[in-house]
Amino acid sequence: MAGKHYIFVYGTLRKGFGNHYLLENAKFIGEGFTKEKYSLYATGIPYVVKKPLTKIKGELYEVDNLTLEEIDYLEGHPHFYERELIDVIVNNKIYKAWIYFYPEPRGHLIKSGDYKDYED
């Protein structure tokens, strides 16, 4: 495993949400979206599922091994969420970045693909 990784966050790890503190020392690359379409659901916390509906909006960060391990722990990888490499587009550039998928739909569908649009 290399020392630097790109991670695409779409929920509580984004700026303004409760788990963003884990990315305080990470390098913010920018806001963007997934190249492929997926589905975003939420029950207080968000779940991205491999069911094509819309591009998912989020933030891209460059993280070190320790930060990636801490986020894996938070996300319950690989037993709850599963981390996979996908293409994301930030500032018209394509990056290979880690994202956390959930195996099946759970909760309310967020048609916009943006967790900021979720309301309990």
PDB file of N, CA and C in Angstrom:
ATOM      1  N   MET A   1       0.847  -1.188   0.000  1.00  0.00           N
ATOM      2  CA  MET A   1       0.000   0.000   0.000  1.00  0.00           C
ATOM      3  C   MET A   1       0.883   1.238   0.000  1.00  0.00           C
ATOM      4  N   ALA A   2       0.656   2.121  -0.925  1.00  0.00           N
ATOM      5  CA  ALA A   2       1.435   3.352  -1.012  1.00  0.00           C
ATOM      6  C   ALA A   2       1.106   4.273   0.158  1.00  0.00           C
ATOM      7  N   GLY A   3       1.917   5.315   0.328  1.00  0.00           N
ATOM      8  CA  GLY A   3       1.745   6.220   1.451  1.00  0.00           C
ATOM      9  C   GLY A   3       0.663   7.264   1.268  1.00  0.00           C
ATOM     10  N   LYS A   4       0.209   7.487   0.044  1.00  0.00           N
ATOM     11  CA  LYS A   4      -0.829   8.489  -0.228  1.00  0.00           C
ATOM     12  C   LYS A   4      -1.975   7.852  -1.009  1.00  0.00           C
ATOM     13  N   HIS A   5      -3.170   8.235  -0.632  1.00  0.00           N
ATOM     14  CA  HIS A   5      -4.371   7.689  -1.265  1.00  0.00           C
ATOM     15  C   HIS A   5      -5.363   8.817  -1.494  1.00  0.00           C
ATOM     16  N   TYR A   6      -6.159   8.701  -2.547  1.00  0.00           N
ATOM     17  CA  TYR A   6      -7.289   9.600  -2.736  1.00  0.00           C
ATOM     18  C   TYR A   6      -8.523   8.921  -2.159  1.00  0.00           C
ATOM     19  N   ILE A   7      -9.320   9.697  -1.438  1.00  0.00           N
ATOM     20  CA  ILE A   7     -10.562   9.170  -0.879  1.00  0.00           C
ATOM     21  C   ILE A   7     -11.681  10.149  -1.209  1.00  0.00           C
ATOM     22  N   PHE A   8     -12.799   9.596  -1.695  1.00  0.00           N
ATOM     23  CA  PHE A   8     -13.958  10.404  -2.059  1.00  0.00           C
ATOM     24  C   PHE A   8     -15.019  10.196  -0.998  1.00  0.00           C
ATOM     25  N   VAL A   9     -15.384  11.279  -0.304  1.00  0.00           N
ATOM     26  CA  VAL A   9     -16.354  11.179   0.787  1.00  0.00           C
ATOM     27  C   VAL A   9     -17.646  11.880   0.389  1.00  0.00           C
ATOM     28  N   TYR A  10     -18.777  11.260   0.721  1.00  0.00           N
ATOM     29  CA  TYR A  10     -20.079  11.758   0.271  1.00  0.00           C
ATOM     30  C   TYR A  10     -21.047  12.023   1.413  1.00  0.00           C
ATOM     31  N   GLY A  11     -20.658  11.737   2.654  1.00  0.00           N
ATOM     32  CA  GLY A  11     -21.603  11.863   3.766  1.00  0.00           C
ATOM     33  C   GLY A  11     -21.025  12.576   4.971  1.00  0.00           C
ATOM     34  N   THR A  12     -20.973  11.874   6.087  1.00  0.00           N
ATOM     35  CA  THR A  12     -20.602  12.489   7.366  1.00  0.00           C
ATOM     36  C   THR A  12     -19.132  12.867   7.470  1.00  0.00           C
ATOM     37  N   LEU A  13     -18.321  12.475   6.488  1.00  0.00           N
ATOM     38  CA  LEU A  13     -16.909  12.884   6.467  1.00  0.00           C
ATOM     39  C   LEU A  13     -16.705  14.214   5.733  1.00  0.00           C
ATOM     40  N   ARG A  14     -17.762  14.723   5.098  1.00  0.00           N
ATOM     41  CA  ARG A  14     -17.668  16.000   4.380  1.00  0.00           C
ATOM     42  C   ARG A  14     -17.591  17.166   5.360  1.00  0.00           C
ATOM     43  N   LYS A  15     -17.100  18.291   4.850  1.00  0.00           N
ATOM     44  CA  LYS A  15     -17.028  19.522   5.649  1.00  0.00           C
ATOM     45  C   LYS A  15     -18.412  19.850   6.192  1.00  0.00           C
ATOM     46  N   GLY A  16     -18.453  20.217   7.470  1.00  0.00           N
ATOM     47  CA  GLY A  16     -19.722  20.587   8.088  1.00  0.00           C
ATOM     48  C   GLY A  16     -20.466  19.438   8.731  1.00  0.00           C
ATOM     49  N   PHE A  17     -19.954  18.208   8.606  1.00  0.00           N
ATOM     50  CA  PHE A  17     -20.601  17.039   9.204  1.00  0.00           C
ATOM     51  C   PHE A  17     -19.735  16.452  10.319  1.00  0.00           C
ATOM     52  N   GLY A  18     -20.345  15.607  11.138  1.00  0.00           N
ATOM     53  CA  GLY A  18     -19.756  15.125  12.380  1.00  0.00           C
ATOM     54  C   GLY A  18     -18.441  14.380  12.325  1.00  0.00           C
ATOM     55  N   ASN A  19     -18.170  13.667  11.246  1.00  0.00           N
ATOM     56  CA  ASN A  19     -16.928  12.878  11.183  1.00  0.00           C
ATOM     57  C   ASN A  19     -15.817  13.557  10.383  1.00  0.00           C
ATOM     58  N   HIS A  20     -16.028  14.789   9.990  1.00  0.00           N
ATOM     59  CA  HIS A  20     -15.019  15.493   9.189  1.00  0.00           C
ATOM     60  C   HIS A  20     -13.686  15.651   9.935  1.00  0.00           C
ATOM     61  N   TYR A  21     -13.728  15.615  11.268  1.00  0.00           N
ATOM     62  CA  TYR A  21     -12.494  15.765  12.058  1.00  0.00           C
ATOM     63  C   TYR A  21     -11.427  14.755  11.646  1.00  0.00           C
ATOM     64  N   LEU A  22     -11.832  13.607  11.117  1.00  0.00           N
ATOM     65  CA  LEU A  22     -10.865  12.597  10.683  1.00  0.00           C
ATOM     66  C   LEU A  22     -10.052  13.072   9.475  1.00  0.00           C
ATOM     67  N   LEU A  23     -10.540  14.087   8.786  1.00  0.00           N
ATOM     68  CA  LEU A  23      -9.854  14.591   7.595  1.00  0.00           C
ATOM     69  C   LEU A  23      -9.206  15.957   7.834  1.00  0.00           C
ATOM     70  N   GLU A  24      -9.110  16.380   9.099  1.00  0.00           N
ATOM     71  CA  GLU A  24      -8.535  17.686   9.422  1.00  0.00           C
ATOM     72  C   GLU A  24      -7.137  17.885   8.855  1.00  0.00           C
ATOM     73  N   ASN A  25      -6.318  16.828   8.865  1.00  0.00           N
ATOM     74  CA  ASN A  25      -4.936  16.929   8.392  1.00  0.00           C
ATOM     75  C   ASN A  25      -4.751  16.435   6.961  1.00  0.00           C
ATOM     76  N   ALA A  26      -5.861  16.098   6.303  1.00  0.00           N
ATOM     77  CA  ALA A  26      -5.789  15.616   4.922  1.00  0.00           C
ATOM     78  C   ALA A  26      -5.765  16.798   3.956  1.00  0.00           C
ATOM     79  N   LYS A  27      -5.232  16.561   2.772  1.00  0.00           N
ATOM     80  CA  LYS A  27      -5.189  17.593   1.734  1.00  0.00           C
ATOM     81  C   LYS A  27      -6.502  17.568   0.958  1.00  0.00           C
ATOM     82  N   PHE A  28      -7.237  18.683   1.012  1.00  0.00           N
ATOM     83  CA  PHE A  28      -8.493  18.819   0.274  1.00  0.00           C
ATOM     84  C   PHE A  28      -8.170  19.088  -1.190  1.00  0.00           C
ATOM     85  N   ILE A  29      -8.673  18.237  -2.091  1.00  0.00           N
ATOM     86  CA  ILE A  29      -8.434  18.394  -3.523  1.00  0.00           C
ATOM     87  C   ILE A  29      -9.555  19.224  -4.152  1.00  0.00           C
ATOM     88  N   GLY A  30     -10.804  18.947  -3.746  1.00  0.00           N
ATOM     89  CA  GLY A  30     -11.925  19.720  -4.268  1.00  0.00           C
ATOM     90  C   GLY A  30     -13.228  18.956  -4.195  1.00  0.00           C
ATOM     91  N   GLU A  31     -14.301  19.653  -4.577  1.00  0.00           N
ATOM     92  CA  GLU A  31     -15.615  19.038  -4.650  1.00  0.00           C
ATOM     93  C   GLU A  31     -15.798  18.452  -6.039  1.00  0.00           C
ATOM     94  N   GLY A  32     -16.561  17.364  -6.104  1.00  0.00           N
ATOM     95  CA  GLY A  32     -16.778  16.740  -7.394  1.00  0.00           C
ATOM     96  C   GLY A  32     -17.882  15.717  -7.340  1.00  0.00           C
ATOM     97  N   PHE A  33     -17.805  14.753  -8.258  1.00  0.00           N
ATOM     98  CA  PHE A  33     -18.843  13.737  -8.348  1.00  0.00           C
ATOM     99  C   PHE A  33     -18.259  12.471  -8.970  1.00  0.00           C
ATOM    100  N   THR A  34     -18.979  11.382  -8.805  1.00  0.00           N
ATOM    101  CA  THR A  34     -18.538  10.108  -9.375  1.00  0.00           C
ATOM    102  C   THR A  34     -18.714  10.145 -10.889  1.00  0.00           C
ATOM    103  N   LYS A  35     -17.810   9.472 -11.594  1.00  0.00           N
ATOM    104  CA  LYS A  35     -17.920   9.388 -13.052  1.00  0.00           C
ATOM    105  C   LYS A  35     -19.121   8.531 -13.440  1.00  0.00           C
ATOM    106  N   GLU A  36     -19.294   7.424 -12.737  1.00  0.00           N
ATOM    107  CA  GLU A  36     -20.415   6.514 -12.980  1.00  0.00           C
ATOM    108  C   GLU A  36     -21.598   6.900 -12.099  1.00  0.00           C
ATOM    109  N   LYS A  37     -22.767   6.383 -12.450  1.00  0.00           N
ATOM    110  CA  LYS A  37     -23.970   6.624 -11.664  1.00  0.00           C
ATOM    111  C   LYS A  37     -24.150   5.523 -10.622  1.00  0.00           C
ATOM    112  N   TYR A  38     -24.567   5.950  -9.436  1.00  0.00           N
ATOM    113  CA  TYR A  38     -24.883   5.039  -8.334  1.00  0.00           C
ATOM    114  C   TYR A  38     -26.167   5.548  -7.680  1.00  0.00           C
ATOM    115  N   SER A  39     -26.569   4.934  -6.568  1.00  0.00           N
ATOM    116  CA  SER A  39     -27.725   5.404  -5.805  1.00  0.00           C
ATOM    117  C   SER A  39     -27.280   5.751  -4.399  1.00  0.00           C
ATOM    118  N   LEU A  40     -27.842   6.838  -3.865  1.00  0.00           N
ATOM    119  CA  LEU A  40     -27.542   7.291  -2.509  1.00  0.00           C
ATOM    120  C   LEU A  40     -28.799   7.170  -1.666  1.00  0.00           C
ATOM    121  N   TYR A  41     -28.668   6.461  -0.563  1.00  0.00           N
ATOM    122  CA  TYR A  41     -29.750   6.288   0.402  1.00  0.00           C
ATOM    123  C   TYR A  41     -29.268   6.800   1.750  1.00  0.00           C
ATOM    124  N   ALA A  42     -30.208   7.034   2.669  1.00  0.00           N
ATOM    125  CA  ALA A  42     -29.803   7.465   4.009  1.00  0.00           C
ATOM    126  C   ALA A  42     -30.846   7.081   5.053  1.00  0.00           C
ATOM    127  N   THR A  43     -30.347   6.778   6.243  1.00  0.00           N
ATOM    128  CA  THR A  43     -31.157   6.575   7.449  1.00  0.00           C
ATOM    129  C   THR A  43     -30.436   7.298   8.573  1.00  0.00           C
ATOM    130  N   GLY A  44     -30.208   8.577   8.400  1.00  0.00           N
ATOM    131  CA  GLY A  44     -29.350   9.320   9.317  1.00  0.00           C
ATOM    132  C   GLY A  44     -27.927   9.316   8.795  1.00  0.00           C
ATOM    133  N   ILE A  45     -27.408   8.172   8.412  1.00  0.00           N
ATOM    134  CA  ILE A  45     -26.109   8.059   7.750  1.00  0.00           C
ATOM    135  C   ILE A  45     -26.342   7.617   6.304  1.00  0.00           C
ATOM    136  N   PRO A  46     -25.439   7.989   5.406  1.00  0.00           N
ATOM    137  CA  PRO A  46     -25.643   7.687   3.992  1.00  0.00           C
ATOM    138  C   PRO A  46     -25.074   6.336   3.562  1.00  0.00           C
ATOM    139  N   TYR A  47     -25.657   5.827   2.493  1.00  0.00           N
ATOM    140  CA  TYR A  47     -25.228   4.559   1.899  1.00  0.00           C
ATOM    141  C   TYR A  47     -25.206   4.722   0.387  1.00  0.00           C
ATOM    142  N   VAL A  48     -24.050   4.503  -0.243  1.00  0.00           N
ATOM    143  CA  VAL A  48     -23.994   4.472  -1.700  1.00  0.00           C
ATOM    144  C   VAL A  48     -24.048   3.016  -2.140  1.00  0.00           C
ATOM    145  N   VAL A  49     -24.937   2.760  -3.092  1.00  0.00           N
ATOM    146  CA  VAL A  49     -25.209   1.408  -3.574  1.00  0.00           C
ATOM    147  C   VAL A  49     -24.938   1.369  -5.077  1.00  0.00           C
ATOM    148  N   LYS A  50     -24.425   0.225  -5.543  1.00  0.00           N
ATOM    149  CA  LYS A  50     -24.123   0.057  -6.970  1.00  0.00           C
ATOM    150  C   LYS A  50     -25.393  -0.228  -7.760  1.00  0.00           C
ATOM    151  N   LYS A  51     -26.218   0.796  -7.862  1.00  0.00           N
ATOM    152  CA  LYS A  51     -27.465   0.731  -8.623  1.00  0.00           C
ATOM    153  C   LYS A  51     -27.521   2.047  -9.392  1.00  0.00           C
ATOM    154  N   PRO A  52     -27.334   2.026 -10.727  1.00  0.00           N
ATOM    155  CA  PRO A  52     -27.199   3.272 -11.478  1.00  0.00           C
ATOM    156  C   PRO A  52     -28.450   4.146 -11.422  1.00  0.00           C
ATOM    157  N   LEU A  53     -28.269   5.367 -10.900  1.00  0.00           N
ATOM    158  CA  LEU A  53     -29.353   6.335 -10.849  1.00  0.00           C
ATOM    159  C   LEU A  53     -28.831   7.745 -11.134  1.00  0.00           C
ATOM    160  N   THR A  54     -27.817   8.170 -10.370  1.00  0.00           N
ATOM    161  CA  THR A  54     -27.288   9.517 -10.516  1.00  0.00           C
ATOM    162  C   THR A  54     -25.824   9.545 -10.086  1.00  0.00           C
ATOM    163  N   LYS A  55     -25.127  10.587 -10.475  1.00  0.00           N
ATOM    164  CA  LYS A  55     -23.754  10.754 -10.017  1.00  0.00           C
ATOM    165  C   LYS A  55     -23.791  11.231  -8.563  1.00  0.00           C
ATOM    166  N   ILE A  56     -22.892  10.712  -7.757  1.00  0.00           N
ATOM    167  CA  ILE A  56     -22.858  11.042  -6.336  1.00  0.00           C
ATOM    168  C   ILE A  56     -21.941  12.239  -6.122  1.00  0.00           C
ATOM    169  N   LYS A  57     -22.427  13.228  -5.388  1.00  0.00           N
ATOM    170  CA  LYS A  57     -21.643  14.422  -5.095  1.00  0.00           C
ATOM    171  C   LYS A  57     -20.845  14.212  -3.815  1.00  0.00           C
ATOM    172  N   GLY A  58     -19.634  14.781  -3.778  1.00  0.00           N
ATOM    173  CA  GLY A  58     -18.813  14.647  -2.583  1.00  0.00           C
ATOM    174  C   GLY A  58     -17.549  15.465  -2.662  1.00  0.00           C
ATOM    175  N   GLU A  59     -16.606  15.114  -1.785  1.00  0.00           N
ATOM    176  CA  GLU A  59     -15.330  15.820  -1.677  1.00  0.00           C
ATOM    177  C   GLU A  59     -14.188  14.828  -1.808  1.00  0.00           C
ATOM    178  N   LEU A  60     -13.123  15.264  -2.471  1.00  0.00           N
ATOM    179  CA  LEU A  60     -11.947  14.426  -2.677  1.00  0.00           C
ATOM    180  C   LEU A  60     -10.812  14.916  -1.788  1.00  0.00           C
ATOM    181  N   TYR A  61     -10.172  13.960  -1.102  1.00  0.00           N
ATOM    182  CA  TYR A  61      -9.043  14.259  -0.226  1.00  0.00           C
ATOM    183  C   TYR A  61      -7.881  13.331  -0.544  1.00  0.00           C
ATOM    184  N   GLU A  62      -6.684  13.819  -0.270  1.00  0.00           N
ATOM    185  CA  GLU A  62      -5.498  12.970  -0.303  1.00  0.00           C
ATOM    186  C   GLU A  62      -5.174  12.650   1.154  1.00  0.00           C
ATOM    187  N   VAL A  63      -5.079  11.358   1.473  1.00  0.00           N
ATOM    188  CA  VAL A  63      -4.844  10.923   2.853  1.00  0.00           C
ATOM    189  C   VAL A  63      -3.636   9.998   2.935  1.00  0.00           C
ATOM    190  N   ASP A  64      -3.079   9.888   4.142  1.00  0.00           N
ATOM    191  CA  ASP A  64      -1.980   8.953   4.372  1.00  0.00           C
ATOM    192  C   ASP A  64      -2.534   7.603   4.847  1.00  0.00           C
ATOM    193  N   ASN A  65      -1.635   6.642   5.027  1.00  0.00           N
ATOM    194  CA  ASN A  65      -2.057   5.293   5.436  1.00  0.00           C
ATOM    195  C   ASN A  65      -2.836   5.304   6.745  1.00  0.00           C
ATOM    196  N   LEU A  66      -2.361   6.063   7.739  1.00  0.00           N
ATOM    197  CA  LEU A  66      -3.006   6.088   9.051  1.00  0.00           C
ATOM    198  C   LEU A  66      -4.429   6.629   8.950  1.00  0.00           C
ATOM    199  N   THR A  67      -4.605   7.707   8.213  1.00  0.00           N
ATOM    200  CA  THR A  67      -5.946   8.282   8.057  1.00  0.00           C
ATOM    201  C   THR A  67      -6.867   7.303   7.350  1.00  0.00           C
ATOM    202  N   LEU A  68      -6.365   6.627   6.315  1.00  0.00           N
ATOM    203  CA  LEU A  68      -7.184   5.633   5.611  1.00  0.00           C
ATOM    204  C   LEU A  68      -7.592   4.512   6.558  1.00  0.00           C
ATOM    205  N   GLU A  69      -6.672   4.063   7.398  1.00  0.00           N
ATOM    206  CA  GLU A  69      -6.993   3.013   8.379  1.00  0.00           C
ATOM    207  C   GLU A  69      -8.050   3.488   9.370  1.00  0.00           C
ATOM    208  N   GLU A  70      -7.955   4.738   9.817  1.00  0.00           N
ATOM    209  CA  GLU A  70      -8.942   5.290  10.760  1.00  0.00           C
ATOM    210  C   GLU A  70     -10.324   5.361  10.116  1.00  0.00           C
ATOM    211  N   ILE A  71     -10.369   5.751   8.850  1.00  0.00           N
ATOM    212  CA  ILE A  71     -11.656   5.836   8.152  1.00  0.00           C
ATOM    213  C   ILE A  71     -12.199   4.435   7.876  1.00  0.00           C
ATOM    214  N   ASP A  72     -11.331   3.486   7.523  1.00  0.00           N
ATOM    215  CA  ASP A  72     -11.765   2.088   7.379  1.00  0.00           C
ATOM    216  C   ASP A  72     -12.436   1.601   8.657  1.00  0.00           C
ATOM    217  N   TYR A  73     -11.837   1.948   9.798  1.00  0.00           N
ATOM    218  CA  TYR A  73     -12.388   1.534  11.092  1.00  0.00           C
ATOM    219  C   TYR A  73     -13.765   2.170  11.298  1.00  0.00           C
ATOM    220  N   LEU A  74     -13.866   3.475  11.048  1.00  0.00           N
ATOM    221  CA  LEU A  74     -15.143   4.182  11.186  1.00  0.00           C
ATOM    222  C   LEU A  74     -16.212   3.543  10.309  1.00  0.00           C
ATOM    223  N   GLU A  75     -15.856   3.219   9.084  1.00  0.00           N
ATOM    224  CA  GLU A  75     -16.819   2.689   8.114  1.00  0.00           C
ATOM    225  C   GLU A  75     -17.063   1.185   8.253  1.00  0.00           C
ATOM    226  N   GLY A  76     -16.324   0.530   9.135  1.00  0.00           N
ATOM    227  CA  GLY A  76     -16.512  -0.905   9.326  1.00  0.00           C
ATOM    228  C   GLY A  76     -16.071  -1.736   8.136  1.00  0.00           C
ATOM    229  N   HIS A  77     -15.111  -1.207   7.367  1.00  0.00           N
ATOM    230  CA  HIS A  77     -14.590  -1.926   6.199  1.00  0.00           C
ATOM    231  C   HIS A  77     -13.781  -3.137   6.658  1.00  0.00           C
ATOM    232  N   PRO A  78     -13.994  -4.326   6.101  1.00  0.00           N
ATOM    233  CA  PRO A  78     -14.857  -4.665   4.960  1.00  0.00           C
ATOM    234  C   PRO A  78     -16.171  -5.336   5.360  1.00  0.00           C
ATOM    235  N   HIS A  79     -16.556  -5.270   6.640  1.00  0.00           N
ATOM    236  CA  HIS A  79     -17.729  -6.023   7.109  1.00  0.00           C
ATOM    237  C   HIS A  79     -19.038  -5.246   7.052  1.00  0.00           C
ATOM    238  N   PHE A  80     -18.973  -3.915   7.009  1.00  0.00           N
ATOM    239  CA  PHE A  80     -20.185  -3.093   6.930  1.00  0.00           C
ATOM    240  C   PHE A  80     -20.200  -2.401   5.560  1.00  0.00           C
ATOM    241  N   TYR A  81     -19.384  -1.383   5.401  1.00  0.00           N
ATOM    242  CA  TYR A  81     -19.152  -0.794   4.086  1.00  0.00           C
ATOM    243  C   TYR A  81     -17.951  -1.503   3.462  1.00  0.00           C
ATOM    244  N   GLU A  82     -17.887  -1.472   2.130  1.00  0.00           N
ATOM    245  CA  GLU A  82     -16.732  -2.035   1.434  1.00  0.00           C
ATOM    246  C   GLU A  82     -16.067  -0.938   0.623  1.00  0.00           C
ATOM    247  N   ARG A  83     -14.766  -0.769   0.828  1.00  0.00           N
ATOM    248  CA  ARG A  83     -14.003   0.270   0.135  1.00  0.00           C
ATOM    249  C   ARG A  83     -13.550  -0.245  -1.225  1.00  0.00           C
ATOM    250  N   GLU A  84     -13.797   0.565  -2.277  1.00  0.00           N
ATOM    251  CA  GLU A  84     -13.390   0.207  -3.639  1.00  0.00           C
ATOM    252  C   GLU A  84     -12.867   1.431  -4.369  1.00  0.00           C
ATOM    253  N   LEU A  85     -11.991   1.196  -5.344  1.00  0.00           N
ATOM    254  CA  LEU A  85     -11.484   2.280  -6.188  1.00  0.00           C
ATOM    255  C   LEU A  85     -12.458   2.556  -7.331  1.00  0.00           C
ATOM    256  N   ILE A  86     -12.786   3.835  -7.526  1.00  0.00           N
ATOM    257  CA  ILE A  86     -13.642   4.252  -8.634  1.00  0.00           C
ATOM    258  C   ILE A  86     -13.054   5.520  -9.250  1.00  0.00           C
ATOM    259  N   ASP A  87     -13.631   5.950 -10.365  1.00  0.00           N
ATOM    260  CA  ASP A  87     -13.256   7.219 -10.982  1.00  0.00           C
ATOM    261  C   ASP A  87     -14.159   8.324 -10.455  1.00  0.00           C
ATOM    262  N   VAL A  88     -13.533   9.431 -10.033  1.00  0.00           N
ATOM    263  CA  VAL A  88     -14.279  10.617  -9.636  1.00  0.00           C
ATOM    264  C   VAL A  88     -13.756  11.803 -10.438  1.00  0.00           C
ATOM    265  N   ILE A  89     -14.624  12.772 -10.645  1.00  0.00           N
ATOM    266  CA  ILE A  89     -14.262  13.954 -11.426  1.00  0.00           C
ATOM    267  C   ILE A  89     -14.266  15.171 -10.506  1.00  0.00           C
ATOM    268  N   VAL A  90     -13.106  15.820 -10.423  1.00  0.00           N
ATOM    269  CA  VAL A  90     -12.934  17.023  -9.624  1.00  0.00           C
ATOM    270  C   VAL A  90     -12.180  18.032 -10.479  1.00  0.00           C
ATOM    271  N   ASN A  91     -12.744  19.224 -10.630  1.00  0.00           N
ATOM    272  CA  ASN A  91     -12.128  20.279 -11.454  1.00  0.00           C
ATOM    273  C   ASN A  91     -11.780  19.768 -12.858  1.00  0.00           C
ATOM    274  N   ASN A  92     -12.705  19.033 -13.462  1.00  0.00           N
ATOM    275  CA  ASN A  92     -12.561  18.493 -14.826  1.00  0.00           C
ATOM    276  C   ASN A  92     -11.397  17.514 -14.981  1.00  0.00           C
ATOM    277  N   LYS A  93     -10.939  16.947 -13.893  1.00  0.00           N
ATOM    278  CA  LYS A  93      -9.865  15.957 -13.923  1.00  0.00           C
ATOM    279  C   LYS A  93     -10.381  14.662 -13.295  1.00  0.00           C
ATOM    280  N   ILE A  94      -9.989  13.523 -13.870  1.00  0.00           N
ATOM    281  CA  ILE A  94     -10.417  12.225 -13.335  1.00  0.00           C
ATOM    282  C   ILE A  94      -9.364  11.694 -12.368  1.00  0.00           C
ATOM    283  N   TYR A  95      -9.820  11.286 -11.196  1.00  0.00           N
ATOM    284  CA  TYR A  95      -8.963  10.695 -10.168  1.00  0.00           C
ATOM    285  C   TYR A  95      -9.456   9.288  -9.861  1.00  0.00           C
ATOM    286  N   LYS A  96      -8.532   8.385  -9.568  1.00  0.00           N
ATOM    287  CA  LYS A  96      -8.878   7.071  -9.007  1.00  0.00           C
ATOM    288  C   LYS A  96      -8.914   7.263  -7.504  1.00  0.00           C
ATOM    289  N   ALA A  97     -10.081   7.057  -6.916  1.00  0.00           N
ATOM    290  CA  ALA A  97     -10.237   7.320  -5.489  1.00  0.00           C
ATOM    291  C   ALA A  97     -11.012   6.201  -4.814  1.00  0.00           C
ATOM    292  N   TRP A  98     -10.751   6.038  -3.530  1.00  0.00           N
ATOM    293  CA  TRP A  98     -11.500   5.084  -2.724  1.00  0.00           C
ATOM    294  C   TRP A  98     -12.858   5.673  -2.387  1.00  0.00           C
ATOM    295  N   ILE A  99     -13.878   4.832  -2.393  1.00  0.00           N
ATOM    296  CA  ILE A  99     -15.223   5.181  -1.943  1.00  0.00           C
ATOM    297  C   ILE A  99     -15.737   3.987  -1.148  1.00  0.00           C
ATOM    298  N   TYR A 100     -16.687   4.252  -0.254  1.00  0.00           N
ATOM    299  CA  TYR A 100     -17.277   3.174   0.551  1.00  0.00           C
ATOM    300  C   TYR A 100     -18.683   2.865   0.040  1.00  0.00           C
ATOM    301  N   PHE A 101     -18.867   1.609  -0.389  1.00  0.00           N
ATOM    302  CA  PHE A 101     -20.167   1.142  -0.867  1.00  0.00           C
ATOM    303  C   PHE A 101     -20.863   0.332   0.220  1.00  0.00           C
ATOM    304  N   TYR A 102     -22.182   0.364   0.179  1.00  0.00           N
ATOM    305  CA  TYR A 102     -23.006  -0.502   1.020  1.00  0.00           C
ATOM    306  C   TYR A 102     -23.625  -1.542   0.083  1.00  0.00           C
ATOM    307  N   PRO A 103     -23.792  -2.792   0.543  1.00  0.00           N
ATOM    308  CA  PRO A 103     -24.220  -3.847  -0.386  1.00  0.00           C
ATOM    309  C   PRO A 103     -25.649  -3.757  -0.911  1.00  0.00           C
ATOM    310  N   GLU A 104     -26.552  -3.056  -0.209  1.00  0.00           N
ATOM    311  CA  GLU A 104     -27.951  -3.019  -0.652  1.00  0.00           C
ATOM    312  C   GLU A 104     -28.602  -1.699  -0.239  1.00  0.00           C
ATOM    313  N   PRO A 105     -29.683  -1.311  -0.906  1.00  0.00           N
ATOM    314  CA  PRO A 105     -30.380  -0.078  -0.532  1.00  0.00           C
ATOM    315  C   PRO A 105     -30.852  -0.129   0.925  1.00  0.00           C
ATOM    316  N   ARG A 106     -30.764   1.014   1.597  1.00  0.00           N
ATOM    317  CA  ARG A 106     -31.182   1.085   3.002  1.00  0.00           C
ATOM    318  C   ARG A 106     -31.658   2.503   3.283  1.00  0.00           C
ATOM    319  N   GLY A 107     -32.898   2.646   3.730  1.00  0.00           N
ATOM    320  CA  GLY A 107     -33.419   3.962   4.080  1.00  0.00           C
ATOM    321  C   GLY A 107     -34.078   4.671   2.916  1.00  0.00           C
ATOM    322  N   HIS A 108     -33.999   5.994   2.947  1.00  0.00           N
ATOM    323  CA  HIS A 108     -34.645   6.851   1.954  1.00  0.00           C
ATOM    324  C   HIS A 108     -33.700   7.154   0.802  1.00  0.00           C
ATOM    325  N   LEU A 109     -34.212   7.072  -0.416  1.00  0.00           N
ATOM    326  CA  LEU A 109     -33.444   7.413  -1.604  1.00  0.00           C
ATOM    327  C   LEU A 109     -33.268   8.924  -1.674  1.00  0.00           C
ATOM    328  N   ILE A 110     -32.044   9.373  -1.943  1.00  0.00           N
ATOM    329  CA  ILE A 110     -31.754  10.788  -2.175  1.00  0.00           C
ATOM    330  C   ILE A 110     -31.491  10.928  -3.673  1.00  0.00           C
ATOM    331  N   LYS A 111     -32.510  11.342  -4.400  1.00  0.00           N
ATOM    332  CA  LYS A 111     -32.456  11.336  -5.870  1.00  0.00           C
ATOM    333  C   LYS A 111     -31.374  12.245  -6.430  1.00  0.00           C
ATOM    334  N   SER A 112     -31.034  13.324  -5.712  1.00  0.00           N
ATOM    335  CA  SER A 112     -30.029  14.278  -6.210  1.00  0.00           C
ATOM    336  C   SER A 112     -28.613  13.719  -6.154  1.00  0.00           C
ATOM    337  N   GLY A 113     -28.399  12.677  -5.311  1.00  0.00           N
ATOM    338  CA  GLY A 113     -27.052  12.153  -5.129  1.00  0.00           C
ATOM    339  C   GLY A 113     -26.201  12.986  -4.186  1.00  0.00           C
ATOM    340  N   ASP A 114     -26.819  13.945  -3.509  1.00  0.00           N
ATOM    341  CA  ASP A 114     -26.101  14.841  -2.600  1.00  0.00           C
ATOM    342  C   ASP A 114     -26.652  14.681  -1.193  1.00  0.00           C
ATOM    343  N   TYR A 115     -25.821  14.176  -0.275  1.00  0.00           N
ATOM    344  CA  TYR A 115     -26.240  13.945   1.108  1.00  0.00           C
ATOM    345  C   TYR A 115     -26.719  15.233   1.782  1.00  0.00           C
ATOM    346  N   LYS A 116     -26.256  16.378   1.315  1.00  0.00           N
ATOM    347  CA  LYS A 116     -26.714  17.658   1.894  1.00  0.00           C
ATOM    348  C   LYS A 116     -28.213  17.866   1.677  1.00  0.00           C
ATOM    349  N   ASP A 117     -28.805  17.154   0.729  1.00  0.00           N
ATOM    350  CA  ASP A 117     -30.245  17.257   0.471  1.00  0.00           C
ATOM    351  C   ASP A 117     -31.077  16.323   1.348  1.00  0.00           C
ATOM    352  N   TYR A 118     -30.427  15.543   2.192  1.00  0.00           N
ATOM    353  CA  TYR A 118     -31.145  14.571   3.042  1.00  0.00           C
ATOM    354  C   TYR A 118     -31.804  15.282   4.226  1.00  0.00           C
ATOM    355  N   GLU A 119     -33.033  14.894   4.470  1.00  0.00           N
ATOM    356  CA  GLU A 119     -33.749  15.381   5.653  1.00  0.00           C
ATOM    357  C   GLU A 119     -34.344  14.182   6.367  1.00  0.00           C
ATOM    358  N   ASP A 120     -34.165  14.135   7.686  1.00  0.00           N
ATOM    359  CA  ASP A 120     -34.732  13.017   8.488  1.00  0.00           C
ATOM    360  C   ASP A 120     -36.234  12.973   8.372  1.00  0.00           C
TER     361      ASP A 120
END
